[in-house]
Amino acid sequence: MSEARNRGSESTREVIVETALRLFRERGFDATTMRAIAAEAGVSVGNAYYYFEGKEALIQAYYDRAQAEHEQVCREFLARESSFAARLSGVLREWVRVSEPYHEFAVKFYKHAAEPTNPLSPFSAQSSPAREASIAIYREVVEGSRDRMNAELREELPELLWLLSMGMVLFWVHDTSPGCARTYRLIEVTVPLVDRLVGLSHLPGLRGITKDFIAAVHELRA
């Protein structure tokens, strides 16, 4: 009985999320109310609030869903690719592909996510689960790579790559090219540069620069 109830609860939750995302795309985030979401989903307003505290929580559910889907599609090529460049390029490209259906939606709500104090910001405490899961994927990119790199940089690289991906997200949000071709091109030209810099980091003549860079990262993080 409990298992059936759990399945029913999960089904209701998914219906609310799907309805909210559709209305956000159609009407915009600001113009969509929890009451409208509940009515379209066929549940009471109280029931909608039972599952989600508000619209921001629904966006967090979208973050979590998109992150889980991204992680799943990355599994196959991460298992077979060993070069750092191929692994990084694949993860970034798959993110664009997974996110493509939500491109128009992302354009509409990004102004909220861009506000530093907004719960929708990828840097907020509320976004921490999705953020940590995303950094974990980049940790897999680094740890599964057979390429040589500075040991200290290897430790810092997952979070730095996640920050790189945030820059890609910003570019993608404003990308109006067909099929987000310009974003794919950005990945194509950026990854070899990152790969080259990471590959040079272990060379004796550049270890000092790498060490200074890592120290700067630590200082800014603090």
N, C-alpha and C. Protein backbone atom coordinates (compact mmCIF):
# COMPACT_ATOMS: atom_id res chain seq x y z
N MET A 1 0.83 -1.20 0.00
CA MET A 1 0.00 0.00 0.00
C MET A 1 0.87 1.26 0.00
N SER A 2 1.93 1.20 0.85
CA SER A 2 2.83 2.34 0.94
C SER A 2 3.55 2.58 -0.38
N GLU A 3 3.95 1.49 -1.07
CA GLU A 3 4.63 1.62 -2.34
C GLU A 3 3.73 2.25 -3.38
N ALA A 4 2.47 1.84 -3.41
CA ALA A 4 1.51 2.41 -4.36
C ALA A 4 1.28 3.88 -4.07
N ARG A 5 1.22 4.24 -2.79
CA ARG A 5 1.04 5.64 -2.41
C ARG A 5 2.24 6.47 -2.85
N ASN A 6 3.44 5.90 -2.69
CA ASN A 6 4.64 6.61 -3.09
C ASN A 6 4.68 6.84 -4.60
N ARG A 7 4.24 5.81 -5.35
CA ARG A 7 4.18 5.96 -6.80
C ARG A 7 3.19 7.05 -7.20
N GLY A 8 2.05 7.08 -6.48
CA GLY A 8 1.04 8.10 -6.76
C GLY A 8 1.55 9.49 -6.44
N SER A 9 2.28 9.62 -5.34
CA SER A 9 2.83 10.92 -4.95
C SER A 9 3.85 11.39 -5.97
N GLU A 10 4.71 10.46 -6.42
CA GLU A 10 5.73 10.82 -7.41
C GLU A 10 5.08 11.21 -8.73
N SER A 11 4.01 10.51 -9.09
CA SER A 11 3.29 10.83 -10.33
C SER A 11 2.69 12.23 -10.26
N THR A 12 2.06 12.55 -9.13
CA THR A 12 1.48 13.88 -8.95
C THR A 12 2.55 14.95 -9.00
N ARG A 13 3.66 14.68 -8.38
CA ARG A 13 4.77 15.63 -8.38
C ARG A 13 5.26 15.90 -9.80
N GLU A 14 5.39 14.84 -10.59
CA GLU A 14 5.87 15.00 -11.96
C GLU A 14 4.87 15.78 -12.81
N VAL A 15 3.58 15.54 -12.59
CA VAL A 15 2.55 16.27 -13.33
C VAL A 15 2.65 17.77 -13.02
N ILE A 16 2.86 18.10 -11.76
CA ILE A 16 2.97 19.50 -11.37
C ILE A 16 4.20 20.13 -12.01
N VAL A 17 5.32 19.42 -12.01
CA VAL A 17 6.55 19.94 -12.61
C VAL A 17 6.36 20.16 -14.11
N GLU A 18 5.81 19.15 -14.80
CA GLU A 18 5.60 19.27 -16.26
C GLU A 18 4.67 20.44 -16.58
N THR A 19 3.62 20.57 -15.80
CA THR A 19 2.67 21.66 -16.02
C THR A 19 3.32 23.01 -15.80
N ALA A 20 4.09 23.11 -14.73
CA ALA A 20 4.76 24.38 -14.42
C ALA A 20 5.74 24.77 -15.53
N LEU A 21 6.53 23.83 -16.00
CA LEU A 21 7.50 24.12 -17.06
C LEU A 21 6.81 24.57 -18.34
N ARG A 22 5.67 23.93 -18.65
CA ARG A 22 4.92 24.32 -19.85
C ARG A 22 4.39 25.74 -19.70
N LEU A 23 3.83 26.05 -18.54
CA LEU A 23 3.27 27.39 -18.34
C LEU A 23 4.37 28.44 -18.28
N PHE A 24 5.51 28.10 -17.71
CA PHE A 24 6.63 29.04 -17.69
C PHE A 24 7.06 29.36 -19.12
N ARG A 25 7.07 28.34 -19.98
CA ARG A 25 7.46 28.56 -21.38
C ARG A 25 6.42 29.42 -22.11
N GLU A 26 5.13 29.14 -21.84
CA GLU A 26 4.05 29.80 -22.56
C GLU A 26 3.79 31.23 -22.05
N ARG A 27 3.82 31.40 -20.73
CA ARG A 27 3.41 32.67 -20.14
C ARG A 27 4.55 33.47 -19.53
N GLY A 28 5.66 32.79 -19.30
CA GLY A 28 6.75 33.44 -18.59
C GLY A 28 6.69 33.13 -17.10
N PHE A 29 7.83 33.24 -16.44
CA PHE A 29 7.91 32.89 -15.03
C PHE A 29 7.08 33.83 -14.16
N ASP A 30 7.21 35.14 -14.40
CA ASP A 30 6.52 36.12 -13.56
C ASP A 30 5.00 36.02 -13.68
N ALA A 31 4.51 35.76 -14.88
CA ALA A 31 3.06 35.76 -15.12
C ALA A 31 2.39 34.47 -14.69
N THR A 32 3.15 33.46 -14.35
CA THR A 32 2.58 32.17 -13.96
C THR A 32 2.47 32.09 -12.44
N THR A 33 1.28 31.80 -11.95
CA THR A 33 1.06 31.70 -10.51
C THR A 33 0.94 30.23 -10.10
N MET A 34 1.14 29.97 -8.82
CA MET A 34 0.95 28.62 -8.30
C MET A 34 -0.50 28.17 -8.46
N ARG A 35 -1.43 29.11 -8.36
CA ARG A 35 -2.84 28.78 -8.56
C ARG A 35 -3.10 28.30 -9.99
N ALA A 36 -2.47 28.99 -10.95
CA ALA A 36 -2.63 28.59 -12.35
C ALA A 36 -2.01 27.23 -12.60
N ILE A 37 -0.86 26.99 -12.00
CA ILE A 37 -0.19 25.70 -12.15
C ILE A 37 -1.06 24.58 -11.59
N ALA A 38 -1.62 24.82 -10.40
CA ALA A 38 -2.48 23.82 -9.76
C ALA A 38 -3.70 23.53 -10.62
N ALA A 39 -4.33 24.58 -11.15
CA ALA A 39 -5.54 24.40 -11.96
C ALA A 39 -5.23 23.60 -13.21
N GLU A 40 -4.13 23.92 -13.89
CA GLU A 40 -3.75 23.21 -15.11
C GLU A 40 -3.35 21.76 -14.81
N ALA A 41 -2.78 21.54 -13.65
CA ALA A 41 -2.33 20.19 -13.28
C ALA A 41 -3.46 19.34 -12.72
N GLY A 42 -4.60 19.96 -12.43
CA GLY A 42 -5.74 19.23 -11.90
C GLY A 42 -5.60 18.86 -10.44
N VAL A 43 -4.89 19.70 -9.69
CA VAL A 43 -4.76 19.47 -8.24
C VAL A 43 -5.16 20.74 -7.51
N SER A 44 -5.38 20.63 -6.22
CA SER A 44 -5.72 21.81 -5.44
C SER A 44 -4.48 22.67 -5.23
N VAL A 45 -4.71 23.94 -4.91
CA VAL A 45 -3.58 24.82 -4.62
C VAL A 45 -2.80 24.31 -3.41
N GLY A 46 -3.53 23.83 -2.43
CA GLY A 46 -2.89 23.29 -1.23
C GLY A 46 -2.02 22.09 -1.56
N ASN A 47 -2.51 21.26 -2.49
CA ASN A 47 -1.73 20.09 -2.88
C ASN A 47 -0.47 20.50 -3.62
N ALA A 48 -0.57 21.53 -4.46
CA ALA A 48 0.61 22.03 -5.18
C ALA A 48 1.66 22.54 -4.19
N TYR A 49 1.19 23.27 -3.16
CA TYR A 49 2.13 23.78 -2.15
C TYR A 49 2.65 22.67 -1.24
N TYR A 50 1.93 21.57 -1.17
CA TYR A 50 2.40 20.42 -0.38
C TYR A 50 3.68 19.87 -0.99
N TYR A 51 3.73 19.83 -2.32
CA TYR A 51 4.89 19.29 -3.01
C TYR A 51 5.99 20.33 -3.23
N PHE A 52 5.58 21.60 -3.42
CA PHE A 52 6.55 22.65 -3.74
C PHE A 52 6.20 23.91 -2.97
N GLU A 53 7.20 24.51 -2.34
CA GLU A 53 6.96 25.70 -1.54
C GLU A 53 6.58 26.90 -2.39
N GLY A 54 6.97 26.88 -3.65
CA GLY A 54 6.65 28.00 -4.54
C GLY A 54 7.25 27.76 -5.91
N LYS A 55 7.20 28.78 -6.75
CA LYS A 55 7.68 28.64 -8.12
C LYS A 55 9.19 28.37 -8.17
N GLU A 56 9.92 28.98 -7.24
CA GLU A 56 11.36 28.77 -7.23
C GLU A 56 11.69 27.30 -7.00
N ALA A 57 10.92 26.64 -6.16
CA ALA A 57 11.15 25.21 -5.91
C ALA A 57 10.89 24.38 -7.16
N LEU A 58 9.97 24.83 -7.98
CA LEU A 58 9.70 24.14 -9.24
C LEU A 58 10.88 24.29 -10.20
N ILE A 59 11.52 25.45 -10.20
CA ILE A 59 12.70 25.63 -11.03
C ILE A 59 13.84 24.75 -10.52
N GLN A 60 13.95 24.65 -9.20
CA GLN A 60 14.97 23.76 -8.64
C GLN A 60 14.72 22.32 -9.08
N ALA A 61 13.44 21.93 -9.16
CA ALA A 61 13.10 20.59 -9.64
C ALA A 61 13.54 20.41 -11.09
N TYR A 62 13.40 21.48 -11.87
CA TYR A 62 13.88 21.45 -13.26
C TYR A 62 15.39 21.29 -13.29
N TYR A 63 16.11 22.05 -12.44
CA TYR A 63 17.57 21.92 -12.37
C TYR A 63 17.96 20.46 -12.08
N ASP A 64 17.29 19.89 -11.07
CA ASP A 64 17.62 18.53 -10.65
C ASP A 64 17.34 17.53 -11.77
N ARG A 65 16.22 17.71 -12.45
CA ARG A 65 15.86 16.80 -13.54
C ARG A 65 16.85 16.91 -14.69
N ALA A 66 17.16 18.13 -15.09
CA ALA A 66 18.11 18.34 -16.19
C ALA A 66 19.48 17.79 -15.84
N GLN A 67 19.88 17.98 -14.57
CA GLN A 67 21.18 17.48 -14.14
C GLN A 67 21.22 15.96 -14.18
N ALA A 68 20.16 15.32 -13.71
CA ALA A 68 20.10 13.85 -13.72
C ALA A 68 20.13 13.31 -15.15
N GLU A 69 19.42 13.97 -16.05
CA GLU A 69 19.42 13.54 -17.45
C GLU A 69 20.79 13.72 -18.08
N HIS A 70 21.43 14.83 -17.78
CA HIS A 70 22.77 15.09 -18.30
C HIS A 70 23.74 14.02 -17.81
N GLU A 71 23.68 13.71 -16.54
CA GLU A 71 24.58 12.70 -15.97
C GLU A 71 24.36 11.35 -16.65
N GLN A 72 23.13 11.00 -16.89
CA GLN A 72 22.82 9.70 -17.49
C GLN A 72 23.37 9.58 -18.91
N VAL A 73 23.20 10.63 -19.72
CA VAL A 73 23.65 10.55 -21.12
C VAL A 73 25.17 10.63 -21.23
N CYS A 74 25.84 11.12 -20.19
CA CYS A 74 27.30 11.22 -20.22
C CYS A 74 27.98 9.87 -19.90
N ARG A 75 27.25 8.97 -19.29
CA ARG A 75 27.84 7.74 -18.80
C ARG A 75 28.56 6.94 -19.89
N GLU A 76 27.90 6.75 -21.03
CA GLU A 76 28.43 5.87 -22.07
C GLU A 76 29.77 6.35 -22.61
N PHE A 77 29.85 7.63 -23.01
CA PHE A 77 31.11 8.06 -23.62
C PHE A 77 32.20 8.29 -22.57
N LEU A 78 31.82 8.61 -21.32
CA LEU A 78 32.84 8.73 -20.27
C LEU A 78 33.46 7.37 -19.97
N ALA A 79 32.69 6.30 -20.18
CA ALA A 79 33.20 4.96 -19.94
C ALA A 79 34.19 4.52 -21.01
N ARG A 80 34.07 5.09 -22.20
CA ARG A 80 34.95 4.64 -23.29
C ARG A 80 36.05 5.64 -23.65
N GLU A 81 35.87 6.93 -23.35
CA GLU A 81 36.85 7.94 -23.69
C GLU A 81 37.85 8.12 -22.55
N SER A 82 39.12 8.26 -22.91
CA SER A 82 40.15 8.44 -21.88
C SER A 82 40.89 9.76 -22.00
N SER A 83 40.76 10.44 -23.15
CA SER A 83 41.45 11.72 -23.30
C SER A 83 40.65 12.84 -22.64
N PHE A 84 41.37 13.75 -22.02
CA PHE A 84 40.73 14.85 -21.30
C PHE A 84 39.87 15.69 -22.24
N ALA A 85 40.39 16.03 -23.42
CA ALA A 85 39.67 16.89 -24.35
C ALA A 85 38.36 16.24 -24.81
N ALA A 86 38.41 14.96 -25.16
CA ALA A 86 37.21 14.27 -25.63
C ALA A 86 36.17 14.17 -24.52
N ARG A 87 36.60 13.93 -23.30
CA ARG A 87 35.68 13.81 -22.17
C ARG A 87 35.02 15.16 -21.87
N LEU A 88 35.82 16.22 -21.86
CA LEU A 88 35.27 17.55 -21.57
C LEU A 88 34.34 18.01 -22.68
N SER A 89 34.75 17.84 -23.92
CA SER A 89 33.92 18.24 -25.05
C SER A 89 32.59 17.49 -25.04
N GLY A 90 32.65 16.20 -24.77
CA GLY A 90 31.42 15.40 -24.75
C GLY A 90 30.45 15.84 -23.68
N VAL A 91 30.96 16.14 -22.49
CA VAL A 91 30.09 16.58 -21.40
C VAL A 91 29.43 17.92 -21.73
N LEU A 92 30.21 18.85 -22.27
CA LEU A 92 29.65 20.16 -22.61
C LEU A 92 28.63 20.05 -23.74
N ARG A 93 28.95 19.27 -24.76
CA ARG A 93 28.04 19.12 -25.90
C ARG A 93 26.74 18.44 -25.47
N GLU A 94 26.84 17.44 -24.61
CA GLU A 94 25.64 16.74 -24.16
C GLU A 94 24.76 17.66 -23.31
N TRP A 95 25.40 18.57 -22.57
CA TRP A 95 24.59 19.52 -21.80
C TRP A 95 23.74 20.38 -22.73
N VAL A 96 24.35 20.86 -23.81
CA VAL A 96 23.60 21.68 -24.76
C VAL A 96 22.46 20.87 -25.37
N ARG A 97 22.75 19.63 -25.74
CA ARG A 97 21.72 18.79 -26.37
C ARG A 97 20.56 18.51 -25.43
N VAL A 98 20.88 18.18 -24.18
CA VAL A 98 19.84 17.88 -23.19
C VAL A 98 19.01 19.13 -22.89
N SER A 99 19.65 20.29 -22.89
CA SER A 99 18.98 21.53 -22.52
C SER A 99 18.22 22.18 -23.67
N GLU A 100 18.46 21.74 -24.89
CA GLU A 100 17.88 22.39 -26.06
C GLU A 100 16.35 22.56 -25.99
N PRO A 101 15.58 21.56 -25.53
CA PRO A 101 14.13 21.75 -25.45
C PRO A 101 13.70 22.88 -24.52
N TYR A 102 14.58 23.27 -23.62
CA TYR A 102 14.25 24.30 -22.62
C TYR A 102 14.91 25.64 -22.94
N HIS A 103 15.43 25.79 -24.15
CA HIS A 103 16.18 27.00 -24.48
C HIS A 103 15.31 28.25 -24.35
N GLU A 104 14.14 28.23 -24.97
CA GLU A 104 13.26 29.40 -24.91
C GLU A 104 12.84 29.70 -23.47
N PHE A 105 12.57 28.65 -22.73
CA PHE A 105 12.20 28.77 -21.32
C PHE A 105 13.34 29.39 -20.52
N ALA A 106 14.58 28.93 -20.77
CA ALA A 106 15.74 29.44 -20.03
C ALA A 106 15.95 30.93 -20.29
N VAL A 107 15.72 31.35 -21.52
CA VAL A 107 15.86 32.77 -21.86
C VAL A 107 14.93 33.61 -21.00
N LYS A 108 13.72 33.10 -20.74
CA LYS A 108 12.72 33.86 -20.02
C LYS A 108 13.01 33.97 -18.52
N PHE A 109 13.59 32.91 -17.95
CA PHE A 109 13.79 32.98 -16.50
C PHE A 109 15.23 33.29 -16.10
N TYR A 110 16.13 33.43 -17.09
CA TYR A 110 17.53 33.64 -16.75
C TYR A 110 17.75 34.94 -15.99
N LYS A 111 16.92 35.95 -16.26
CA LYS A 111 17.12 37.22 -15.56
C LYS A 111 16.97 37.03 -14.05
N HIS A 112 16.16 36.05 -13.65
CA HIS A 112 16.03 35.76 -12.22
C HIS A 112 17.25 34.98 -11.72
N ALA A 113 17.69 34.00 -12.52
CA ALA A 113 18.83 33.18 -12.12
C ALA A 113 20.11 34.00 -12.06
N ALA A 114 20.16 35.09 -12.82
CA ALA A 114 21.38 35.91 -12.86
C ALA A 114 21.53 36.80 -11.64
N GLU A 115 20.48 36.97 -10.86
CA GLU A 115 20.55 37.80 -9.67
C GLU A 115 21.28 37.04 -8.56
N PRO A 116 22.37 37.58 -8.01
CA PRO A 116 23.18 36.85 -7.02
C PRO A 116 22.40 36.37 -5.80
N THR A 117 21.40 37.15 -5.36
CA THR A 117 20.67 36.80 -4.14
C THR A 117 19.42 35.96 -4.42
N ASN A 118 19.14 35.68 -5.68
CA ASN A 118 17.94 34.93 -6.03
C ASN A 118 18.17 33.44 -5.78
N PRO A 119 17.19 32.74 -5.20
CA PRO A 119 17.33 31.29 -4.97
C PRO A 119 17.56 30.51 -6.26
N LEU A 120 17.17 31.09 -7.42
CA LEU A 120 17.35 30.40 -8.69
C LEU A 120 18.78 30.49 -9.21
N SER A 121 19.62 31.33 -8.60
CA SER A 121 21.00 31.43 -9.03
C SER A 121 21.70 30.07 -8.88
N PRO A 122 22.50 29.67 -9.87
CA PRO A 122 23.23 28.40 -9.73
C PRO A 122 24.24 28.42 -8.60
N PHE A 123 24.53 29.61 -8.04
CA PHE A 123 25.47 29.73 -6.94
C PHE A 123 24.77 29.78 -5.57
N SER A 124 23.44 29.71 -5.56
CA SER A 124 22.69 29.84 -4.30
C SER A 124 22.74 28.55 -3.49
N ALA A 125 22.40 28.68 -2.21
CA ALA A 125 22.34 27.50 -1.34
C ALA A 125 21.27 26.53 -1.82
N GLN A 126 20.17 27.07 -2.33
CA GLN A 126 19.07 26.22 -2.81
C GLN A 126 19.48 25.39 -4.02
N SER A 127 20.42 25.90 -4.81
CA SER A 127 20.87 25.19 -6.00
C SER A 127 22.04 24.25 -5.71
N SER A 128 22.40 24.14 -4.45
CA SER A 128 23.58 23.36 -4.07
C SER A 128 23.54 21.91 -4.55
N PRO A 129 22.42 21.16 -4.42
CA PRO A 129 22.42 19.77 -4.88
C PRO A 129 22.74 19.63 -6.37
N ALA A 130 22.10 20.46 -7.21
CA ALA A 130 22.36 20.39 -8.65
C ALA A 130 23.79 20.83 -8.95
N ARG A 131 24.26 21.85 -8.24
CA ARG A 131 25.62 22.36 -8.46
C ARG A 131 26.65 21.28 -8.12
N GLU A 132 26.49 20.66 -6.96
CA GLU A 132 27.44 19.63 -6.54
C GLU A 132 27.41 18.43 -7.47
N ALA A 133 26.21 18.08 -7.96
CA ALA A 133 26.10 16.96 -8.91
C ALA A 133 26.80 17.28 -10.22
N SER A 134 26.69 18.54 -10.65
CA SER A 134 27.35 18.95 -11.89
C SER A 134 28.87 18.94 -11.71
N ILE A 135 29.35 19.45 -10.60
CA ILE A 135 30.80 19.44 -10.33
C ILE A 135 31.30 18.00 -10.29
N ALA A 136 30.47 17.09 -9.78
CA ALA A 136 30.86 15.68 -9.72
C ALA A 136 31.08 15.09 -11.11
N ILE A 137 30.30 15.54 -12.09
CA ILE A 137 30.50 15.06 -13.46
C ILE A 137 31.86 15.53 -13.98
N TYR A 138 32.20 16.79 -13.70
CA TYR A 138 33.51 17.29 -14.14
C TYR A 138 34.65 16.63 -13.36
N ARG A 139 34.36 16.19 -12.15
CA ARG A 139 35.36 15.42 -11.41
C ARG A 139 35.61 14.08 -12.12
N GLU A 140 34.54 13.49 -12.63
CA GLU A 140 34.70 12.26 -13.41
C GLU A 140 35.51 12.51 -14.68
N VAL A 141 35.25 13.65 -15.31
CA VAL A 141 36.00 14.01 -16.52
C VAL A 141 37.50 14.00 -16.22
N VAL A 142 37.87 14.62 -15.10
CA VAL A 142 39.28 14.75 -14.73
C VAL A 142 39.85 13.42 -14.27
N GLU A 143 39.16 12.76 -13.36
CA GLU A 143 39.70 11.54 -12.77
C GLU A 143 39.79 10.39 -13.77
N GLY A 144 38.92 10.39 -14.77
CA GLY A 144 38.96 9.32 -15.77
C GLY A 144 39.89 9.61 -16.92
N SER A 145 40.54 10.77 -16.90
CA SER A 145 41.45 11.13 -17.98
C SER A 145 42.84 10.56 -17.72
N ARG A 146 43.47 10.05 -18.79
CA ARG A 146 44.83 9.52 -18.68
C ARG A 146 45.88 10.56 -19.03
N ASP A 147 45.44 11.75 -19.38
CA ASP A 147 46.40 12.80 -19.75
C ASP A 147 47.17 13.29 -18.52
N ARG A 148 48.40 13.68 -18.74
CA ARG A 148 49.21 14.20 -17.65
C ARG A 148 48.79 15.63 -17.33
N MET A 149 48.78 15.94 -16.05
CA MET A 149 48.49 17.31 -15.62
C MET A 149 49.03 17.50 -14.22
N ASN A 150 49.20 18.73 -13.84
CA ASN A 150 49.70 19.07 -12.50
C ASN A 150 48.76 18.49 -11.44
N ALA A 151 49.33 17.84 -10.43
CA ALA A 151 48.53 17.16 -9.41
C ALA A 151 47.64 18.13 -8.63
N GLU A 152 48.20 19.31 -8.29
CA GLU A 152 47.41 20.29 -7.55
C GLU A 152 46.27 20.83 -8.41
N LEU A 153 46.57 21.07 -9.68
CA LEU A 153 45.54 21.55 -10.60
C LEU A 153 44.45 20.51 -10.77
N ARG A 154 44.82 19.25 -10.81
CA ARG A 154 43.84 18.17 -10.95
C ARG A 154 42.79 18.23 -9.84
N GLU A 155 43.22 18.61 -8.64
CA GLU A 155 42.29 18.71 -7.51
C GLU A 155 41.30 19.86 -7.69
N GLU A 156 41.78 20.97 -8.25
CA GLU A 156 40.95 22.16 -8.40
C GLU A 156 40.12 22.16 -9.68
N LEU A 157 40.53 21.36 -10.64
CA LEU A 157 39.97 21.45 -11.99
C LEU A 157 38.46 21.20 -12.08
N PRO A 158 37.89 20.24 -11.35
CA PRO A 158 36.44 20.01 -11.50
C PRO A 158 35.59 21.27 -11.28
N GLU A 159 35.89 22.01 -10.22
CA GLU A 159 35.12 23.22 -9.96
C GLU A 159 35.41 24.30 -11.01
N LEU A 160 36.65 24.38 -11.45
CA LEU A 160 36.99 25.36 -12.49
C LEU A 160 36.28 25.03 -13.80
N LEU A 161 36.16 23.76 -14.11
CA LEU A 161 35.44 23.36 -15.33
C LEU A 161 33.95 23.65 -15.20
N TRP A 162 33.43 23.50 -13.99
CA TRP A 162 32.02 23.85 -13.79
C TRP A 162 31.82 25.35 -14.01
N LEU A 163 32.75 26.17 -13.53
CA LEU A 163 32.66 27.61 -13.77
C LEU A 163 32.75 27.91 -15.27
N LEU A 164 33.60 27.18 -15.97
CA LEU A 164 33.66 27.31 -17.43
C LEU A 164 32.30 26.99 -18.04
N SER A 165 31.67 25.94 -17.54
CA SER A 165 30.36 25.56 -18.08
C SER A 165 29.31 26.63 -17.81
N MET A 166 29.43 27.37 -16.71
CA MET A 166 28.51 28.46 -16.44
C MET A 166 28.66 29.57 -17.47
N GLY A 167 29.89 29.80 -17.92
CA GLY A 167 30.11 30.76 -18.99
C GLY A 167 29.46 30.27 -20.28
N MET A 168 29.54 28.97 -20.52
CA MET A 168 28.89 28.38 -21.69
C MET A 168 27.38 28.56 -21.61
N VAL A 169 26.83 28.40 -20.42
CA VAL A 169 25.39 28.56 -20.23
C VAL A 169 24.96 29.98 -20.58
N LEU A 170 25.72 30.95 -20.10
CA LEU A 170 25.40 32.35 -20.40
C LEU A 170 25.42 32.60 -21.91
N PHE A 171 26.43 32.06 -22.59
CA PHE A 171 26.51 32.22 -24.05
C PHE A 171 25.32 31.54 -24.71
N TRP A 172 24.98 30.34 -24.25
CA TRP A 172 23.88 29.55 -24.81
C TRP A 172 22.54 30.27 -24.65
N VAL A 173 22.33 30.90 -23.50
CA VAL A 173 21.08 31.62 -23.26
C VAL A 173 20.86 32.69 -24.32
N HIS A 174 21.93 33.34 -24.74
CA HIS A 174 21.83 34.43 -25.71
C HIS A 174 22.07 33.96 -27.15
N ASP A 175 22.24 32.68 -27.34
CA ASP A 175 22.53 32.13 -28.67
C ASP A 175 21.24 31.96 -29.48
N THR A 176 21.10 32.71 -30.56
CA THR A 176 19.91 32.64 -31.40
C THR A 176 20.19 31.90 -32.71
N SER A 177 21.36 31.30 -32.84
CA SER A 177 21.69 30.58 -34.07
C SER A 177 20.88 29.29 -34.15
N PRO A 178 20.59 28.82 -35.36
CA PRO A 178 19.81 27.58 -35.53
C PRO A 178 20.48 26.40 -34.83
N GLY A 179 19.69 25.71 -33.99
CA GLY A 179 20.23 24.57 -33.27
C GLY A 179 21.36 24.90 -32.32
N CYS A 180 21.44 26.17 -31.92
CA CYS A 180 22.52 26.65 -31.03
C CYS A 180 23.89 26.30 -31.60
N ALA A 181 24.03 26.48 -32.92
CA ALA A 181 25.29 26.13 -33.60
C ALA A 181 26.47 26.92 -33.06
N ARG A 182 26.25 28.17 -32.68
CA ARG A 182 27.36 28.99 -32.19
C ARG A 182 27.86 28.48 -30.84
N THR A 183 26.97 27.94 -30.02
CA THR A 183 27.40 27.37 -28.74
C THR A 183 28.26 26.14 -28.98
N TYR A 184 27.83 25.29 -29.90
CA TYR A 184 28.65 24.11 -30.24
C TYR A 184 30.02 24.53 -30.78
N ARG A 185 30.03 25.60 -31.57
CA ARG A 185 31.29 26.10 -32.10
C ARG A 185 32.17 26.65 -30.98
N LEU A 186 31.56 27.31 -30.01
CA LEU A 186 32.32 27.82 -28.86
C LEU A 186 33.00 26.66 -28.12
N ILE A 187 32.27 25.58 -27.94
CA ILE A 187 32.85 24.40 -27.30
C ILE A 187 34.01 23.86 -28.13
N GLU A 188 33.80 23.83 -29.43
CA GLU A 188 34.80 23.29 -30.35
C GLU A 188 36.11 24.06 -30.30
N VAL A 189 36.05 25.37 -30.14
CA VAL A 189 37.28 26.17 -30.13
C VAL A 189 37.86 26.34 -28.71
N THR A 190 37.01 26.21 -27.69
CA THR A 190 37.48 26.44 -26.32
C THR A 190 38.16 25.22 -25.72
N VAL A 191 37.60 24.04 -25.95
CA VAL A 191 38.13 22.83 -25.32
C VAL A 191 39.60 22.58 -25.68
N PRO A 192 40.03 22.72 -26.94
CA PRO A 192 41.45 22.52 -27.23
C PRO A 192 42.36 23.49 -26.48
N LEU A 193 41.90 24.72 -26.27
CA LEU A 193 42.70 25.69 -25.52
C LEU A 193 42.84 25.27 -24.05
N VAL A 194 41.73 24.85 -23.46
CA VAL A 194 41.76 24.38 -22.07
C VAL A 194 42.64 23.14 -21.97
N ASP A 195 42.49 22.24 -22.93
CA ASP A 195 43.29 21.01 -22.94
C ASP A 195 44.78 21.33 -23.02
N ARG A 196 45.13 22.30 -23.84
CA ARG A 196 46.55 22.66 -23.98
C ARG A 196 47.09 23.25 -22.69
N LEU A 197 46.33 24.13 -22.07
CA LEU A 197 46.77 24.75 -20.82
C LEU A 197 46.93 23.72 -19.71
N VAL A 198 45.95 22.82 -19.63
CA VAL A 198 46.02 21.77 -18.60
C VAL A 198 47.21 20.85 -18.87
N GLY A 199 47.44 20.53 -20.14
CA GLY A 199 48.55 19.65 -20.49
C GLY A 199 49.90 20.26 -20.19
N LEU A 200 50.00 21.59 -20.30
CA LEU A 200 51.27 22.27 -20.03
C LEU A 200 51.54 22.44 -18.54
N SER A 201 50.52 22.27 -17.72
CA SER A 201 50.62 22.60 -16.29
C SER A 201 51.65 21.77 -15.55
N HIS A 202 51.99 20.57 -16.06
CA HIS A 202 52.94 19.72 -15.33
C HIS A 202 54.39 19.97 -15.72
N LEU A 203 54.60 20.80 -16.76
CA LEU A 203 55.97 21.06 -17.20
C LEU A 203 56.74 21.90 -16.18
N PRO A 204 58.02 21.59 -15.96
CA PRO A 204 58.79 22.29 -14.93
C PRO A 204 58.74 23.81 -15.04
N GLY A 205 58.83 24.34 -16.26
CA GLY A 205 58.87 25.78 -16.42
C GLY A 205 57.56 26.49 -16.10
N LEU A 206 56.46 25.73 -16.06
CA LEU A 206 55.15 26.33 -15.82
C LEU A 206 54.55 25.96 -14.46
N ARG A 207 55.26 25.18 -13.70
CA ARG A 207 54.72 24.76 -12.40
C ARG A 207 54.53 25.94 -11.46
N GLY A 208 55.46 26.90 -11.54
CA GLY A 208 55.33 28.09 -10.69
C GLY A 208 54.09 28.89 -11.03
N ILE A 209 53.83 29.07 -12.32
CA ILE A 209 52.64 29.80 -12.76
C ILE A 209 51.38 29.06 -12.31
N THR A 210 51.40 27.73 -12.46
CA THR A 210 50.24 26.92 -12.03
C THR A 210 50.00 27.07 -10.54
N LYS A 211 51.10 27.06 -9.78
CA LYS A 211 50.98 27.20 -8.33
C LYS A 211 50.40 28.56 -7.96
N ASP A 212 50.85 29.62 -8.63
CA ASP A 212 50.33 30.97 -8.38
C ASP A 212 48.85 31.05 -8.73
N PHE A 213 48.49 30.42 -9.83
CA PHE A 213 47.09 30.42 -10.25
C PHE A 213 46.21 29.73 -9.22
N ILE A 214 46.65 28.60 -8.73
CA ILE A 214 45.87 27.84 -7.74
C ILE A 214 45.77 28.64 -6.44
N ALA A 215 46.85 29.32 -6.06
CA ALA A 215 46.82 30.16 -4.85
C ALA A 215 45.78 31.28 -5.01
N ALA A 216 45.72 31.88 -6.21
CA ALA A 216 44.74 32.92 -6.47
C ALA A 216 43.32 32.38 -6.37
N VAL A 217 43.11 31.17 -6.88
CA VAL A 217 41.79 30.53 -6.79
C VAL A 217 41.38 30.33 -5.34
N HIS A 218 42.33 29.85 -4.52
CA HIS A 218 42.05 29.64 -3.10
C HIS A 218 41.70 30.96 -2.40
N GLU A 219 42.44 32.02 -2.74
CA GLU A 219 42.20 33.32 -2.10
C GLU A 219 40.83 33.86 -2.48
N LEU A 220 40.47 33.76 -3.76
CA LEU A 220 39.16 34.26 -4.20
C LEU A 220 38.02 33.45 -3.62
N ARG A 221 38.24 32.14 -3.46
CA ARG A 221 37.20 31.29 -2.90
C ARG A 221 36.95 31.63 -1.44
N ALA A 222 38.01 31.97 -0.71
CA ALA A 222 37.88 32.32 0.70
C ALA A 222 37.18 33.65 0.86
